[in-house]
Amino acid sequence: MGKRDDLIEKYAADLRETCGVEPDMELLRKVTIGCGPAIYREDASTVAASDTQELKRIEDGFLRKKLGLPESDSLMGGIQEVLRIYGRSNRNKYRAVVYYLLVKHFDRESVYT
């Protein structure tokens, strides 16, 4: 297995153990690949949930541009719900896991088919 496969397994374990979610491994793989090289950089591989600017970037760059969702108050509400599921006290919120949970939350799996 390569480094990316190791990370995907780590993200799957995080989804199971931290979020109580059994991941769709094919979707998780596609979401992880979609994150690009960010998954290999320590700072970029995680989401700073307390940074409102980062959450706004997720809303604009991922939810609106990548997933094609229209601008709405429900977008930030979805982000907050995903962060609640992930656990607010959990300092290491992996970007690929957050994005996976957002794809599932907004029922946008079709973007990755």
N, C-alpha and C. Protein backbone atom coordinates (compact mmCIF):
# COMPACT_ATOMS: atom_id res chain seq x y z
N MET A 1 0.84 -1.19 0.00
CA MET A 1 0.00 0.00 0.00
C MET A 1 0.88 1.24 0.00
N GLY A 2 0.38 2.28 -0.66
CA GLY A 2 1.08 3.55 -0.70
C GLY A 2 0.66 4.44 0.45
N LYS A 3 1.27 5.60 0.49
CA LYS A 3 0.99 6.55 1.56
C LYS A 3 -0.48 6.99 1.54
N ARG A 4 -1.01 7.23 0.34
CA ARG A 4 -2.41 7.65 0.25
C ARG A 4 -3.33 6.55 0.79
N ASP A 5 -3.06 5.30 0.45
CA ASP A 5 -3.88 4.19 0.96
C ASP A 5 -3.81 4.09 2.47
N ASP A 6 -2.63 4.34 3.03
CA ASP A 6 -2.47 4.35 4.49
C ASP A 6 -3.33 5.45 5.11
N LEU A 7 -3.33 6.63 4.48
CA LEU A 7 -4.14 7.74 5.00
C LEU A 7 -5.63 7.43 4.90
N ILE A 8 -6.04 6.81 3.79
CA ILE A 8 -7.46 6.46 3.64
C ILE A 8 -7.88 5.49 4.74
N GLU A 9 -7.03 4.53 5.06
CA GLU A 9 -7.33 3.59 6.16
C GLU A 9 -7.41 4.33 7.50
N LYS A 10 -6.51 5.29 7.68
CA LYS A 10 -6.54 6.10 8.91
C LYS A 10 -7.83 6.91 8.99
N TYR A 11 -8.26 7.50 7.87
CA TYR A 11 -9.50 8.27 7.85
C TYR A 11 -10.71 7.36 8.11
N ALA A 12 -10.69 6.17 7.53
CA ALA A 12 -11.79 5.23 7.75
C ALA A 12 -11.89 4.85 9.22
N ALA A 13 -10.75 4.60 9.84
CA ALA A 13 -10.74 4.27 11.28
C ALA A 13 -11.25 5.45 12.09
N ASP A 14 -10.90 6.67 11.70
CA ASP A 14 -11.37 7.86 12.40
C ASP A 14 -12.88 7.99 12.27
N LEU A 15 -13.40 7.72 11.09
CA LEU A 15 -14.85 7.77 10.89
C LEU A 15 -15.56 6.75 11.78
N ARG A 16 -15.01 5.55 11.85
CA ARG A 16 -15.63 4.50 12.67
C ARG A 16 -15.54 4.82 14.16
N GLU A 17 -14.33 5.13 14.62
CA GLU A 17 -14.07 5.26 16.06
C GLU A 17 -14.51 6.60 16.63
N THR A 18 -14.31 7.68 15.90
CA THR A 18 -14.60 9.00 16.42
C THR A 18 -16.01 9.46 16.09
N CYS A 19 -16.46 9.15 14.87
CA CYS A 19 -17.74 9.65 14.40
C CYS A 19 -18.87 8.63 14.48
N GLY A 20 -18.52 7.36 14.67
CA GLY A 20 -19.54 6.33 14.71
C GLY A 20 -20.19 6.08 13.37
N VAL A 21 -19.41 6.26 12.29
CA VAL A 21 -19.91 6.13 10.93
C VAL A 21 -19.14 5.02 10.22
N GLU A 22 -19.85 4.11 9.57
CA GLU A 22 -19.20 3.10 8.74
C GLU A 22 -19.02 3.70 7.35
N PRO A 23 -17.78 3.95 6.93
CA PRO A 23 -17.57 4.68 5.68
C PRO A 23 -17.81 3.84 4.43
N ASP A 24 -18.27 4.51 3.40
CA ASP A 24 -18.31 3.98 2.05
C ASP A 24 -16.88 4.17 1.54
N MET A 25 -16.12 3.11 1.46
CA MET A 25 -14.69 3.21 1.17
C MET A 25 -14.41 3.79 -0.21
N GLU A 26 -15.23 3.50 -1.18
CA GLU A 26 -15.02 4.05 -2.53
C GLU A 26 -15.23 5.57 -2.51
N LEU A 27 -16.27 6.02 -1.84
CA LEU A 27 -16.51 7.46 -1.72
C LEU A 27 -15.39 8.12 -0.93
N LEU A 28 -14.98 7.52 0.16
CA LEU A 28 -13.89 8.07 0.97
C LEU A 28 -12.62 8.20 0.12
N ARG A 29 -12.33 7.20 -0.68
CA ARG A 29 -11.16 7.23 -1.57
C ARG A 29 -11.26 8.42 -2.53
N LYS A 30 -12.42 8.60 -3.14
CA LYS A 30 -12.60 9.69 -4.11
C LYS A 30 -12.52 11.06 -3.44
N VAL A 31 -13.11 11.19 -2.27
CA VAL A 31 -13.04 12.47 -1.54
C VAL A 31 -11.59 12.76 -1.16
N THR A 32 -10.87 11.74 -0.70
CA THR A 32 -9.47 11.92 -0.32
C THR A 32 -8.63 12.34 -1.52
N ILE A 33 -8.82 11.68 -2.64
CA ILE A 33 -8.08 12.05 -3.86
C ILE A 33 -8.42 13.49 -4.25
N GLY A 34 -9.68 13.87 -4.08
CA GLY A 34 -10.11 15.23 -4.39
C GLY A 34 -9.45 16.30 -3.53
N CYS A 35 -8.98 15.91 -2.36
CA CYS A 35 -8.29 16.87 -1.48
C CYS A 35 -6.91 17.23 -2.02
N GLY A 36 -6.41 16.40 -2.93
CA GLY A 36 -5.11 16.68 -3.53
C GLY A 36 -3.96 16.57 -2.55
N PRO A 37 -2.90 17.33 -2.80
CA PRO A 37 -1.70 17.22 -1.98
C PRO A 37 -1.87 17.73 -0.54
N ALA A 38 -3.00 18.37 -0.25
CA ALA A 38 -3.22 18.89 1.10
C ALA A 38 -3.16 17.79 2.16
N ILE A 39 -3.53 16.56 1.78
CA ILE A 39 -3.56 15.48 2.77
C ILE A 39 -2.16 15.10 3.25
N TYR A 40 -1.14 15.51 2.51
CA TYR A 40 0.24 15.15 2.87
C TYR A 40 0.94 16.24 3.69
N ARG A 41 0.32 17.40 3.79
CA ARG A 41 0.91 18.51 4.56
C ARG A 41 0.24 18.59 5.92
N GLU A 42 1.05 18.58 6.96
CA GLU A 42 0.52 18.51 8.32
C GLU A 42 -0.52 19.59 8.59
N ASP A 43 -0.21 20.83 8.26
CA ASP A 43 -1.13 21.92 8.56
C ASP A 43 -2.39 21.86 7.70
N ALA A 44 -2.25 21.56 6.43
CA ALA A 44 -3.39 21.57 5.51
C ALA A 44 -4.25 20.31 5.62
N SER A 45 -3.71 19.26 6.20
CA SER A 45 -4.46 18.00 6.26
C SER A 45 -5.56 18.02 7.32
N THR A 46 -5.55 19.02 8.18
CA THR A 46 -6.57 19.12 9.22
C THR A 46 -7.35 20.42 9.07
N VAL A 47 -8.52 20.46 9.68
CA VAL A 47 -9.38 21.63 9.65
C VAL A 47 -9.33 22.29 11.02
N ALA A 48 -9.08 23.60 11.03
CA ALA A 48 -9.11 24.36 12.27
C ALA A 48 -10.56 24.81 12.50
N ALA A 49 -11.28 24.04 13.27
CA ALA A 49 -12.72 24.27 13.44
C ALA A 49 -13.04 25.59 14.14
N SER A 50 -12.09 26.14 14.86
CA SER A 50 -12.35 27.41 15.55
C SER A 50 -11.99 28.62 14.70
N ASP A 51 -11.47 28.41 13.51
CA ASP A 51 -11.07 29.49 12.60
C ASP A 51 -12.23 29.79 11.65
N THR A 52 -12.93 30.89 11.90
CA THR A 52 -14.10 31.21 11.09
C THR A 52 -13.74 31.46 9.62
N GLN A 53 -12.54 31.96 9.37
CA GLN A 53 -12.13 32.17 7.97
C GLN A 53 -11.95 30.83 7.26
N GLU A 54 -11.41 29.83 7.95
CA GLU A 54 -11.27 28.52 7.33
C GLU A 54 -12.63 27.90 7.06
N LEU A 55 -13.55 28.03 7.98
CA LEU A 55 -14.89 27.49 7.77
C LEU A 55 -15.57 28.17 6.60
N LYS A 56 -15.33 29.46 6.43
CA LYS A 56 -15.89 30.20 5.29
C LYS A 56 -15.26 29.69 3.99
N ARG A 57 -13.95 29.38 4.02
CA ARG A 57 -13.29 28.83 2.83
C ARG A 57 -13.87 27.46 2.47
N ILE A 58 -14.18 26.66 3.48
CA ILE A 58 -14.81 25.35 3.22
C ILE A 58 -16.19 25.57 2.58
N GLU A 59 -16.92 26.52 3.13
CA GLU A 59 -18.25 26.81 2.59
C GLU A 59 -18.15 27.26 1.12
N ASP A 60 -17.26 28.20 0.84
CA ASP A 60 -17.14 28.74 -0.51
C ASP A 60 -16.46 27.77 -1.47
N GLY A 61 -15.31 27.25 -1.06
CA GLY A 61 -14.50 26.43 -1.96
C GLY A 61 -14.98 25.01 -2.13
N PHE A 62 -15.42 24.40 -1.06
CA PHE A 62 -15.83 23.00 -1.16
C PHE A 62 -17.33 22.87 -1.40
N LEU A 63 -18.12 23.44 -0.51
CA LEU A 63 -19.57 23.24 -0.62
C LEU A 63 -20.16 23.90 -1.86
N ARG A 64 -19.78 25.15 -2.11
CA ARG A 64 -20.38 25.87 -3.23
C ARG A 64 -19.71 25.53 -4.56
N LYS A 65 -18.37 25.53 -4.59
CA LYS A 65 -17.69 25.29 -5.86
C LYS A 65 -17.62 23.81 -6.21
N LYS A 66 -17.12 22.99 -5.30
CA LYS A 66 -16.93 21.57 -5.60
C LYS A 66 -18.26 20.81 -5.63
N LEU A 67 -19.07 21.01 -4.59
CA LEU A 67 -20.33 20.26 -4.52
C LEU A 67 -21.48 20.94 -5.26
N GLY A 68 -21.28 22.21 -5.64
CA GLY A 68 -22.29 22.90 -6.43
C GLY A 68 -23.54 23.30 -5.67
N LEU A 69 -23.40 23.50 -4.37
CA LEU A 69 -24.56 23.87 -3.56
C LEU A 69 -24.80 25.38 -3.66
N PRO A 70 -26.06 25.81 -3.68
CA PRO A 70 -26.35 27.25 -3.74
C PRO A 70 -26.06 27.91 -2.39
N GLU A 71 -25.75 29.19 -2.44
CA GLU A 71 -25.48 29.94 -1.21
C GLU A 71 -26.73 29.91 -0.32
N SER A 72 -26.49 29.60 0.95
CA SER A 72 -27.60 29.46 1.89
C SER A 72 -27.05 29.41 3.31
N ASP A 73 -27.88 29.79 4.26
CA ASP A 73 -27.49 29.70 5.67
C ASP A 73 -27.30 28.25 6.09
N SER A 74 -27.94 27.33 5.38
CA SER A 74 -27.85 25.92 5.75
C SER A 74 -26.44 25.36 5.52
N LEU A 75 -25.63 26.02 4.69
CA LEU A 75 -24.28 25.52 4.44
C LEU A 75 -23.44 25.57 5.71
N MET A 76 -23.42 26.72 6.37
CA MET A 76 -22.64 26.81 7.61
C MET A 76 -23.26 25.95 8.68
N GLY A 77 -24.58 25.81 8.68
CA GLY A 77 -25.24 24.92 9.62
C GLY A 77 -24.80 23.47 9.41
N GLY A 78 -24.64 23.07 8.15
CA GLY A 78 -24.14 21.72 7.84
C GLY A 78 -22.72 21.52 8.31
N ILE A 79 -21.90 22.54 8.12
CA ILE A 79 -20.51 22.46 8.60
C ILE A 79 -20.50 22.29 10.11
N GLN A 80 -21.31 23.07 10.81
CA GLN A 80 -21.36 23.00 12.27
C GLN A 80 -21.86 21.62 12.73
N GLU A 81 -22.82 21.05 12.02
CA GLU A 81 -23.33 19.72 12.38
C GLU A 81 -22.25 18.66 12.20
N VAL A 82 -21.50 18.75 11.10
CA VAL A 82 -20.41 17.80 10.86
C VAL A 82 -19.34 17.93 11.95
N LEU A 83 -19.02 19.16 12.34
CA LEU A 83 -18.03 19.36 13.41
C LEU A 83 -18.54 18.82 14.74
N ARG A 84 -19.84 18.91 14.97
CA ARG A 84 -20.43 18.34 16.19
C ARG A 84 -20.29 16.82 16.17
N ILE A 85 -20.58 16.20 15.02
CA ILE A 85 -20.45 14.74 14.89
C ILE A 85 -19.00 14.33 15.11
N TYR A 86 -18.08 15.09 14.55
CA TYR A 86 -16.65 14.77 14.65
C TYR A 86 -16.16 14.96 16.09
N GLY A 87 -16.81 15.83 16.81
CA GLY A 87 -16.42 16.08 18.20
C GLY A 87 -15.65 17.38 18.31
N ARG A 88 -16.27 18.35 18.91
CA ARG A 88 -15.65 19.68 19.01
C ARG A 88 -14.33 19.63 19.78
N SER A 89 -14.21 18.73 20.74
CA SER A 89 -12.99 18.67 21.54
C SER A 89 -11.86 17.95 20.81
N ASN A 90 -12.17 17.27 19.72
CA ASN A 90 -11.17 16.57 18.93
C ASN A 90 -10.36 17.61 18.14
N ARG A 91 -9.09 17.75 18.48
CA ARG A 91 -8.25 18.77 17.85
C ARG A 91 -7.81 18.39 16.44
N ASN A 92 -7.73 17.11 16.13
CA ASN A 92 -7.27 16.66 14.83
C ASN A 92 -8.44 16.24 13.95
N LYS A 93 -9.06 17.21 13.33
CA LYS A 93 -10.16 16.93 12.42
C LYS A 93 -9.58 16.88 11.01
N TYR A 94 -9.45 15.66 10.50
CA TYR A 94 -8.85 15.49 9.18
C TYR A 94 -9.75 16.08 8.10
N ARG A 95 -9.15 16.83 7.21
CA ARG A 95 -9.88 17.50 6.13
C ARG A 95 -10.69 16.49 5.30
N ALA A 96 -10.08 15.37 4.94
CA ALA A 96 -10.78 14.38 4.13
C ALA A 96 -12.00 13.82 4.86
N VAL A 97 -11.91 13.65 6.16
CA VAL A 97 -13.04 13.14 6.95
C VAL A 97 -14.14 14.19 7.01
N VAL A 98 -13.77 15.44 7.25
CA VAL A 98 -14.76 16.52 7.29
C VAL A 98 -15.46 16.62 5.93
N TYR A 99 -14.70 16.59 4.85
CA TYR A 99 -15.29 16.68 3.52
C TYR A 99 -16.20 15.47 3.24
N TYR A 100 -15.76 14.29 3.63
CA TYR A 100 -16.58 13.09 3.46
C TYR A 100 -17.92 13.27 4.19
N LEU A 101 -17.86 13.70 5.44
CA LEU A 101 -19.08 13.89 6.22
C LEU A 101 -19.98 14.96 5.60
N LEU A 102 -19.38 16.00 5.02
CA LEU A 102 -20.17 17.04 4.36
C LEU A 102 -20.85 16.49 3.10
N VAL A 103 -20.14 15.69 2.33
CA VAL A 103 -20.73 15.07 1.14
C VAL A 103 -21.94 14.23 1.55
N LYS A 104 -21.80 13.44 2.60
CA LYS A 104 -22.92 12.61 3.08
C LYS A 104 -24.05 13.49 3.63
N HIS A 105 -23.69 14.51 4.42
CA HIS A 105 -24.69 15.38 5.04
C HIS A 105 -25.58 16.05 3.98
N PHE A 106 -24.94 16.55 2.92
CA PHE A 106 -25.68 17.26 1.88
C PHE A 106 -26.13 16.35 0.73
N ASP A 107 -25.93 15.02 0.90
CA ASP A 107 -26.38 14.04 -0.08
C ASP A 107 -25.85 14.37 -1.48
N ARG A 108 -24.54 14.60 -1.56
CA ARG A 108 -23.91 14.98 -2.83
C ARG A 108 -22.91 13.94 -3.34
N GLU A 109 -23.18 12.68 -3.04
CA GLU A 109 -22.30 11.61 -3.50
C GLU A 109 -22.18 11.58 -5.01
N SER A 110 -23.20 12.06 -5.70
CA SER A 110 -23.21 12.03 -7.16
C SER A 110 -22.07 12.86 -7.76
N VAL A 111 -21.56 13.81 -7.03
CA VAL A 111 -20.42 14.61 -7.51
C VAL A 111 -19.20 13.73 -7.76
N TYR A 112 -19.11 12.63 -7.02
CA TYR A 112 -17.93 11.76 -7.09
C TYR A 112 -18.17 10.50 -7.89
N THR A 113 -19.26 10.43 -8.67
CA THR A 113 -19.48 9.24 -9.49
C THR A 113 -19.08 9.46 -10.93
